[in-house]
Every structure is written in structure tokens, then in C-alpha cells.
Amino acid sequence: MHEEHEIEKKLKEEAKRISAEYGGAPVVVLIAGSEEANIPRVMTGSYIKGKDVRLRDLLGILQTAIQIESWKHFKNW
């Protein structure tokens, strides 16, 4: 596991704030690595209500949403 960068801590707090604003919805915030912005790599911050919930749980939710949208697109094609 990598060391948590200060930016990631800020992203987690922002994800938590956004989640609270939308009634506890799961949130993932991504920021791309950028030499110009002095961001060393792609970083994520995430928040989902509940104990022992990991980023991969949120990414699973996103993957399911992608599959549903792909199916809808294919069905209407």
C-alpha cells in the first residue's frame, strides 16, 4: 500500500462533504497526475457510509452503473 499523500486526505474530506450534501450517496473523487499542477500521480478520495467499506466497493458500484448504461445503449441500438 502506498503512503497517503496530503492531496488524498483533502479528496477524502471533499468526497465526504459531497456525500453529505446528497443524502449519503457514495462518492469517488479522482484527480489526474499533472506535472504542471505538481500532482505526482492519479489520486482518489472516496466516501461511503458504513464500516469497513473500501474504495473497491465504490468502484464496484461504478462498474455496475457502467454495465447498465452499456446494456441500455446496446438494447436501443
PDB file of N, CA and C in Angstrom:
ATOM      1  N   MET A   1       0.845  -1.179   0.000  1.00  0.00           N
ATOM      2  CA  MET A   1       0.000   0.000   0.000  1.00  0.00           C
ATOM      3  C   MET A   1       0.889   1.240   0.000  1.00  0.00           C
ATOM      4  N   HIS A   2       0.501   2.240  -0.763  1.00  0.00           N
ATOM      5  CA  HIS A   2       1.317   3.437  -0.852  1.00  0.00           C
ATOM      6  C   HIS A   2       1.027   4.394   0.309  1.00  0.00           C
ATOM      7  N   GLU A   3       1.948   5.288   0.513  1.00  0.00           N
ATOM      8  CA  GLU A   3       1.772   6.312   1.544  1.00  0.00           C
ATOM      9  C   GLU A   3       0.699   7.293   1.088  1.00  0.00           C
ATOM     10  N   GLU A   4      -0.180   7.673   1.998  1.00  0.00           N
ATOM     11  CA  GLU A   4      -1.254   8.598   1.647  1.00  0.00           C
ATOM     12  C   GLU A   4      -0.691  10.009   1.506  1.00  0.00           C
ATOM     13  N   HIS A   5      -0.931  10.589   0.365  1.00  0.00           N
ATOM     14  CA  HIS A   5      -0.475  11.942   0.055  1.00  0.00           C
ATOM     15  C   HIS A   5      -1.448  12.955   0.670  1.00  0.00           C
ATOM     16  N   GLU A   6      -0.991  14.134   0.975  1.00  0.00           N
ATOM     17  CA  GLU A   6      -1.844  15.173   1.563  1.00  0.00           C
ATOM     18  C   GLU A   6      -3.046  15.480   0.671  1.00  0.00           C
ATOM     19  N   ILE A   7      -2.840  15.431  -0.641  1.00  0.00           N
ATOM     20  CA  ILE A   7      -3.946  15.680  -1.573  1.00  0.00           C
ATOM     21  C   ILE A   7      -5.047  14.634  -1.375  1.00  0.00           C
ATOM     22  N   GLU A   8      -4.663  13.379  -1.156  1.00  0.00           N
ATOM     23  CA  GLU A   8      -5.652  12.319  -0.962  1.00  0.00           C
ATOM     24  C   GLU A   8      -6.489  12.554   0.286  1.00  0.00           C
ATOM     25  N   LYS A   9      -5.883  13.070   1.317  1.00  0.00           N
ATOM     26  CA  LYS A   9      -6.625  13.391   2.539  1.00  0.00           C
ATOM     27  C   LYS A   9      -7.673  14.465   2.248  1.00  0.00           C
ATOM     28  N   LYS A  10      -7.282  15.472   1.464  1.00  0.00           N
ATOM     29  CA  LYS A  10      -8.225  16.532   1.098  1.00  0.00           C
ATOM     30  C   LYS A  10      -9.355  15.986   0.227  1.00  0.00           C
ATOM     31  N   LEU A  11      -9.014  15.080  -0.699  1.00  0.00           N
ATOM     32  CA  LEU A  11     -10.031  14.497  -1.571  1.00  0.00           C
ATOM     33  C   LEU A  11     -11.040  13.674  -0.772  1.00  0.00           C
ATOM     34  N   LYS A  12     -10.566  12.942   0.234  1.00  0.00           N
ATOM     35  CA  LYS A  12     -11.475  12.167   1.082  1.00  0.00           C
ATOM     36  C   LYS A  12     -12.444  13.078   1.818  1.00  0.00           C
ATOM     37  N   GLU A  13     -11.940  14.188   2.335  1.00  0.00           N
ATOM     38  CA  GLU A  13     -12.817  15.140   3.035  1.00  0.00           C
ATOM     39  C   GLU A  13     -13.832  15.751   2.079  1.00  0.00           C
ATOM     40  N   GLU A  14     -13.394  16.051   0.858  1.00  0.00           N
ATOM     41  CA  GLU A  14     -14.310  16.611  -0.138  1.00  0.00           C
ATOM     42  C   GLU A  14     -15.369  15.585  -0.529  1.00  0.00           C
ATOM     43  N   ALA A  15     -14.969  14.325  -0.681  1.00  0.00           N
ATOM     44  CA  ALA A  15     -15.929  13.269  -1.000  1.00  0.00           C
ATOM     45  C   ALA A  15     -16.962  13.130   0.117  1.00  0.00           C
ATOM     46  N   LYS A  16     -16.519  13.219   1.354  1.00  0.00           N
ATOM     47  CA  LYS A  16     -17.429  13.123   2.490  1.00  0.00           C
ATOM     48  C   LYS A  16     -18.412  14.297   2.497  1.00  0.00           C
ATOM     49  N   ARG A  17     -17.917  15.493   2.184  1.00  0.00           N
ATOM     50  CA  ARG A  17     -18.771  16.676   2.138  1.00  0.00           C
ATOM     51  C   ARG A  17     -19.837  16.538   1.044  1.00  0.00           C
ATOM     52  N   ILE A  18     -19.416  16.096  -0.131  1.00  0.00           N
ATOM     53  CA  ILE A  18     -20.356  15.929  -1.246  1.00  0.00           C
ATOM     54  C   ILE A  18     -21.391  14.868  -0.904  1.00  0.00           C
ATOM     55  N   SER A  19     -20.949  13.770  -0.310  1.00  0.00           N
ATOM     56  CA  SER A  19     -21.868  12.703   0.088  1.00  0.00           C
ATOM     57  C   SER A  19     -22.938  13.231   1.037  1.00  0.00           C
ATOM     58  N   ALA A  20     -22.523  14.005   2.022  1.00  0.00           N
ATOM     59  CA  ALA A  20     -23.480  14.562   2.986  1.00  0.00           C
ATOM     60  C   ALA A  20     -24.476  15.488   2.292  1.00  0.00           C
ATOM     61  N   GLU A  21     -23.996  16.245   1.314  1.00  0.00           N
ATOM     62  CA  GLU A  21     -24.852  17.174   0.573  1.00  0.00           C
ATOM     63  C   GLU A  21     -25.942  16.429  -0.202  1.00  0.00           C
ATOM     64  N   TYR A  22     -25.643  15.195  -0.623  1.00  0.00           N
ATOM     65  CA  TYR A  22     -26.594  14.410  -1.411  1.00  0.00           C
ATOM     66  C   TYR A  22     -27.128  13.209  -0.642  1.00  0.00           C
ATOM     67  N   GLY A  23     -27.342  13.404   0.637  1.00  0.00           N
ATOM     68  CA  GLY A  23     -28.035  12.402   1.439  1.00  0.00           C
ATOM     69  C   GLY A  23     -27.278  11.108   1.667  1.00  0.00           C
ATOM     70  N   GLY A  24     -25.961  11.159   1.666  1.00  0.00           N
ATOM     71  CA  GLY A  24     -25.163   9.967   1.944  1.00  0.00           C
ATOM     72  C   GLY A  24     -24.836   9.122   0.730  1.00  0.00           C
ATOM     73  N   ALA A  25     -25.015   9.676  -0.469  1.00  0.00           N
ATOM     74  CA  ALA A  25     -24.696   8.922  -1.682  1.00  0.00           C
ATOM     75  C   ALA A  25     -23.204   8.577  -1.721  1.00  0.00           C
ATOM     76  N   PRO A  26     -22.861   7.388  -2.255  1.00  0.00           N
ATOM     77  CA  PRO A  26     -21.447   7.039  -2.397  1.00  0.00           C
ATOM     78  C   PRO A  26     -20.757   8.021  -3.345  1.00  0.00           C
ATOM     79  N   VAL A  27     -19.526   8.405  -3.018  1.00  0.00           N
ATOM     80  CA  VAL A  27     -18.801   9.392  -3.822  1.00  0.00           C
ATOM     81  C   VAL A  27     -17.356   8.939  -4.023  1.00  0.00           C
ATOM     82  N   VAL A  28     -16.874   9.091  -5.255  1.00  0.00           N
ATOM     83  CA  VAL A  28     -15.461   8.892  -5.570  1.00  0.00           C
ATOM     84  C   VAL A  28     -14.982  10.156  -6.270  1.00  0.00           C
ATOM     85  N   VAL A  29     -13.875  10.707  -5.802  1.00  0.00           N
ATOM     86  CA  VAL A  29     -13.277  11.886  -6.419  1.00  0.00           C
ATOM     87  C   VAL A  29     -11.914  11.466  -6.948  1.00  0.00           C
ATOM     88  N   LEU A  30     -11.654  11.736  -8.231  1.00  0.00           N
ATOM     89  CA  LEU A  30     -10.373  11.417  -8.851  1.00  0.00           C
ATOM     90  C   LEU A  30      -9.690  12.702  -9.276  1.00  0.00           C
ATOM     91  N   ILE A  31      -8.381  12.718  -9.138  1.00  0.00           N
ATOM     92  CA  ILE A  31      -7.608  13.830  -9.664  1.00  0.00           C
ATOM     93  C   ILE A  31      -6.432  13.232 -10.422  1.00  0.00           C
ATOM     94  N   ALA A  32      -6.254  13.673 -11.651  1.00  0.00           N
ATOM     95  CA  ALA A  32      -5.221  13.103 -12.505  1.00  0.00           C
ATOM     96  C   ALA A  32      -3.853  13.665 -12.157  1.00  0.00           C
ATOM     97  N   GLY A  33      -2.847  12.846 -12.353  1.00  0.00           N
ATOM     98  CA  GLY A  33      -1.481  13.312 -12.160  1.00  0.00           C
ATOM     99  C   GLY A  33      -1.158  14.389 -13.184  1.00  0.00           C
ATOM    100  N   SER A  34      -0.452  15.398 -12.741  1.00  0.00           N
ATOM    101  CA  SER A  34      -0.142  16.508 -13.623  1.00  0.00           C
ATOM    102  C   SER A  34       1.172  17.159 -13.190  1.00  0.00           C
ATOM    103  N   GLU A  35       2.105  17.201 -14.099  1.00  0.00           N
ATOM    104  CA  GLU A  35       3.382  17.843 -13.788  1.00  0.00           C
ATOM    105  C   GLU A  35       3.186  19.340 -13.543  1.00  0.00           C
ATOM    106  N   GLU A  36       2.323  19.961 -14.340  1.00  0.00           N
ATOM    107  CA  GLU A  36       2.078  21.395 -14.196  1.00  0.00           C
ATOM    108  C   GLU A  36       1.498  21.737 -12.827  1.00  0.00           C
ATOM    109  N   ALA A  37       0.616  20.866 -12.317  1.00  0.00           N
ATOM    110  CA  ALA A  37      -0.032  21.111 -11.029  1.00  0.00           C
ATOM    111  C   ALA A  37       0.758  20.503  -9.863  1.00  0.00           C
ATOM    112  N   ASN A  38       1.883  19.870 -10.170  1.00  0.00           N
ATOM    113  CA  ASN A  38       2.726  19.225  -9.168  1.00  0.00           C
ATOM    114  C   ASN A  38       1.969  18.118  -8.422  1.00  0.00           C
ATOM    115  N   ILE A  39       1.192  17.352  -9.187  1.00  0.00           N
ATOM    116  CA  ILE A  39       0.470  16.202  -8.641  1.00  0.00           C
ATOM    117  C   ILE A  39       1.191  14.965  -9.180  1.00  0.00           C
ATOM    118  N   PRO A  40       1.802  14.174  -8.312  1.00  0.00           N
ATOM    119  CA  PRO A  40       2.694  13.113  -8.766  1.00  0.00           C
ATOM    120  C   PRO A  40       2.029  11.921  -9.460  1.00  0.00           C
ATOM    121  N   ARG A  41       0.735  11.671  -9.212  1.00  0.00           N
ATOM    122  CA  ARG A  41       0.072  10.511  -9.795  1.00  0.00           C
ATOM    123  C   ARG A  41      -1.437  10.703  -9.693  1.00  0.00           C
ATOM    124  N   VAL A  42      -2.181   9.814 -10.322  1.00  0.00           N
ATOM    125  CA  VAL A  42      -3.637   9.839 -10.163  1.00  0.00           C
ATOM    126  C   VAL A  42      -3.949   9.503  -8.707  1.00  0.00           C
ATOM    127  N   MET A  43      -4.820  10.285  -8.101  1.00  0.00           N
ATOM    128  CA  MET A  43      -5.169  10.077  -6.701  1.00  0.00           C
ATOM    129  C   MET A  43      -6.680  10.038  -6.560  1.00  0.00           C
ATOM    130  N   THR A  44      -7.132   9.323  -5.553  1.00  0.00           N
ATOM    131  CA  THR A  44      -8.561   9.198  -5.315  1.00  0.00           C
ATOM    132  C   THR A  44      -8.897   9.541  -3.874  1.00  0.00           C
ATOM    133  N   GLY A  45     -10.092  10.014  -3.711  1.00  0.00           N
ATOM    134  CA  GLY A  45     -10.671  10.188  -2.395  1.00  0.00           C
ATOM    135  C   GLY A  45     -12.077   9.636  -2.483  1.00  0.00           C
ATOM    136  N   SER A  46     -12.503   8.880  -1.501  1.00  0.00           N
ATOM    137  CA  SER A  46     -13.822   8.268  -1.595  1.00  0.00           C
ATOM    138  C   SER A  46     -14.508   8.281  -0.243  1.00  0.00           C
ATOM    139  N   TYR A  47     -15.838   8.172  -0.310  1.00  0.00           N
ATOM    140  CA  TYR A  47     -16.614   8.096   0.912  1.00  0.00           C
ATOM    141  C   TYR A  47     -17.883   7.295   0.639  1.00  0.00           C
ATOM    142  N   ILE A  48     -18.174   6.380   1.521  1.00  0.00           N
ATOM    143  CA  ILE A  48     -19.433   5.652   1.506  1.00  0.00           C
ATOM    144  C   ILE A  48     -19.778   5.373   2.957  1.00  0.00           C
ATOM    145  N   LYS A  49     -21.043   5.541   3.299  1.00  0.00           N
ATOM    146  CA  LYS A  49     -21.464   5.308   4.681  1.00  0.00           C
ATOM    147  C   LYS A  49     -21.287   3.843   5.038  1.00  0.00           C
ATOM    148  N   GLY A  50     -20.932   3.586   6.268  1.00  0.00           N
ATOM    149  CA  GLY A  50     -20.821   2.219   6.748  1.00  0.00           C
ATOM    150  C   GLY A  50     -19.401   1.900   7.188  1.00  0.00           C
ATOM    151  N   LYS A  51     -19.301   0.831   7.949  1.00  0.00           N
ATOM    152  CA  LYS A  51     -17.998   0.406   8.438  1.00  0.00           C
ATOM    153  C   LYS A  51     -17.316  -0.498   7.415  1.00  0.00           C
ATOM    154  N   ASP A  52     -16.007  -0.455   7.391  1.00  0.00           N
ATOM    155  CA  ASP A  52     -15.197  -1.361   6.576  1.00  0.00           C
ATOM    156  C   ASP A  52     -15.541  -1.322   5.097  1.00  0.00           C
ATOM    157  N   VAL A  53     -15.904  -0.178   4.584  1.00  0.00           N
ATOM    158  CA  VAL A  53     -16.172  -0.044   3.160  1.00  0.00           C
ATOM    159  C   VAL A  53     -14.902   0.488   2.509  1.00  0.00           C
ATOM    160  N   ARG A  54     -14.504  -0.175   1.429  1.00  0.00           N
ATOM    161  CA  ARG A  54     -13.253   0.192   0.772  1.00  0.00           C
ATOM    162  C   ARG A  54     -13.528   0.811  -0.590  1.00  0.00           C
ATOM    163  N   LEU A  55     -12.489   1.425  -1.140  1.00  0.00           N
ATOM    164  CA  LEU A  55     -12.604   2.036  -2.457  1.00  0.00           C
ATOM    165  C   LEU A  55     -13.072   1.014  -3.483  1.00  0.00           C
ATOM    166  N   ARG A  56     -12.609  -0.217  -3.393  1.00  0.00           N
ATOM    167  CA  ARG A  56     -13.021  -1.207  -4.387  1.00  0.00           C
ATOM    168  C   ARG A  56     -14.523  -1.460  -4.337  1.00  0.00           C
ATOM    169  N   ASP A  57     -15.150  -1.260  -3.174  1.00  0.00           N
ATOM    170  CA  ASP A  57     -16.606  -1.377  -3.084  1.00  0.00           C
ATOM    171  C   ASP A  57     -17.272  -0.288  -3.917  1.00  0.00           C
ATOM    172  N   LEU A  58     -16.755   0.926  -3.820  1.00  0.00           N
ATOM    173  CA  LEU A  58     -17.285   2.035  -4.613  1.00  0.00           C
ATOM    174  C   LEU A  58     -17.037   1.810  -6.099  1.00  0.00           C
ATOM    175  N   LEU A  59     -15.850   1.323  -6.433  1.00  0.00           N
ATOM    176  CA  LEU A  59     -15.552   1.074  -7.837  1.00  0.00           C
ATOM    177  C   LEU A  59     -16.454  -0.022  -8.396  1.00  0.00           C
ATOM    178  N   GLY A  60     -16.844  -0.971  -7.559  1.00  0.00           N
ATOM    179  CA  GLY A  60     -17.810  -1.986  -7.978  1.00  0.00           C
ATOM    180  C   GLY A  60     -19.150  -1.363  -8.321  1.00  0.00           C
ATOM    181  N   ILE A  61     -19.575  -0.395  -7.517  1.00  0.00           N
ATOM    182  CA  ILE A  61     -20.823   0.325  -7.805  1.00  0.00           C
ATOM    183  C   ILE A  61     -20.704   1.050  -9.142  1.00  0.00           C
ATOM    184  N   LEU A  62     -19.579   1.698  -9.374  1.00  0.00           N
ATOM    185  CA  LEU A  62     -19.371   2.411 -10.636  1.00  0.00           C
ATOM    186  C   LEU A  62     -19.356   1.441 -11.818  1.00  0.00           C
ATOM    187  N   GLN A  63     -18.694   0.298 -11.657  1.00  0.00           N
ATOM    188  CA  GLN A  63     -18.633  -0.680 -12.732  1.00  0.00           C
ATOM    189  C   GLN A  63     -20.023  -1.202 -13.074  1.00  0.00           C
ATOM    190  N   THR A  64     -20.840  -1.434 -12.067  1.00  0.00           N
ATOM    191  CA  THR A  64     -22.209  -1.884 -12.297  1.00  0.00           C
ATOM    192  C   THR A  64     -22.987  -0.827 -13.082  1.00  0.00           C
ATOM    193  N   ALA A  65     -22.821   0.442 -12.703  1.00  0.00           N
ATOM    194  CA  ALA A  65     -23.501   1.526 -13.419  1.00  0.00           C
ATOM    195  C   ALA A  65     -23.046   1.579 -14.878  1.00  0.00           C
ATOM    196  N   ILE A  66     -21.772   1.378 -15.120  1.00  0.00           N
ATOM    197  CA  ILE A  66     -21.241   1.377 -16.493  1.00  0.00           C
ATOM    198  C   ILE A  66     -21.871   0.238 -17.287  1.00  0.00           C
ATOM    199  N   GLN A  67     -21.951  -0.939 -16.689  1.00  0.00           N
ATOM    200  CA  GLN A  67     -22.538  -2.089 -17.379  1.00  0.00           C
ATOM    201  C   GLN A  67     -24.009  -1.859 -17.701  1.00  0.00           C
ATOM    202  N   ILE A  68     -24.737  -1.271 -16.775  1.00  0.00           N
ATOM    203  CA  ILE A  68     -26.160  -0.981 -17.018  1.00  0.00           C
ATOM    204  C   ILE A  68     -26.311   0.010 -18.165  1.00  0.00           C
ATOM    205  N   GLU A  69     -25.511   1.061 -18.164  1.00  0.00           N
ATOM    206  CA  GLU A  69     -25.599   2.050 -19.238  1.00  0.00           C
ATOM    207  C   GLU A  69     -25.202   1.445 -20.575  1.00  0.00           C
ATOM    208  N   SER A  70     -24.192   0.572 -20.578  1.00  0.00           N
ATOM    209  CA  SER A  70     -23.790  -0.101 -21.815  1.00  0.00           C
ATOM    210  C   SER A  70     -24.914  -0.977 -22.331  1.00  0.00           C
ATOM    211  N   TRP A  71     -25.571  -1.704 -21.422  1.00  0.00           N
ATOM    212  CA  TRP A  71     -26.696  -2.556 -21.810  1.00  0.00           C
ATOM    213  C   TRP A  71     -27.840  -1.732 -22.401  1.00  0.00           C
ATOM    214  N   LYS A  72     -28.139  -0.601 -21.760  1.00  0.00           N
ATOM    215  CA  LYS A  72     -29.201   0.288 -22.274  1.00  0.00           C
ATOM    216  C   LYS A  72     -28.864   0.768 -23.676  1.00  0.00           C
ATOM    217  N   HIS A  73     -27.610   1.151 -23.878  1.00  0.00           N
ATOM    218  CA  HIS A  73     -27.176   1.638 -25.182  1.00  0.00           C
ATOM    219  C   HIS A  73     -27.299   0.532 -26.220  1.00  0.00           C
ATOM    220  N   PHE A  74     -26.832  -0.674 -25.878  1.00  0.00           N
ATOM    221  CA  PHE A  74     -26.899  -1.810 -26.800  1.00  0.00           C
ATOM    222  C   PHE A  74     -28.341  -2.162 -27.134  1.00  0.00           C
ATOM    223  N   LYS A  75     -29.206  -2.137 -26.134  1.00  0.00           N
ATOM    224  CA  LYS A  75     -30.617  -2.501 -26.299  1.00  0.00           C
ATOM    225  C   LYS A  75     -31.312  -1.531 -27.275  1.00  0.00           C
ATOM    226  N   ASN A  76     -30.957  -0.261 -27.226  1.00  0.00           N
ATOM    227  CA  ASN A  76     -31.591   0.759 -28.066  1.00  0.00           C
ATOM    228  C   ASN A  76     -30.887   0.949 -29.399  1.00  0.00           C
ATOM    229  N   TRP A  77     -29.884   0.198 -29.647  1.00  0.00           N
ATOM    230  CA  TRP A  77     -29.096   0.385 -30.856  1.00  0.00           C
ATOM    231  C   TRP A  77     -29.727  -0.178 -32.031  1.00  0.00           C
TER     232      TRP A  77
END
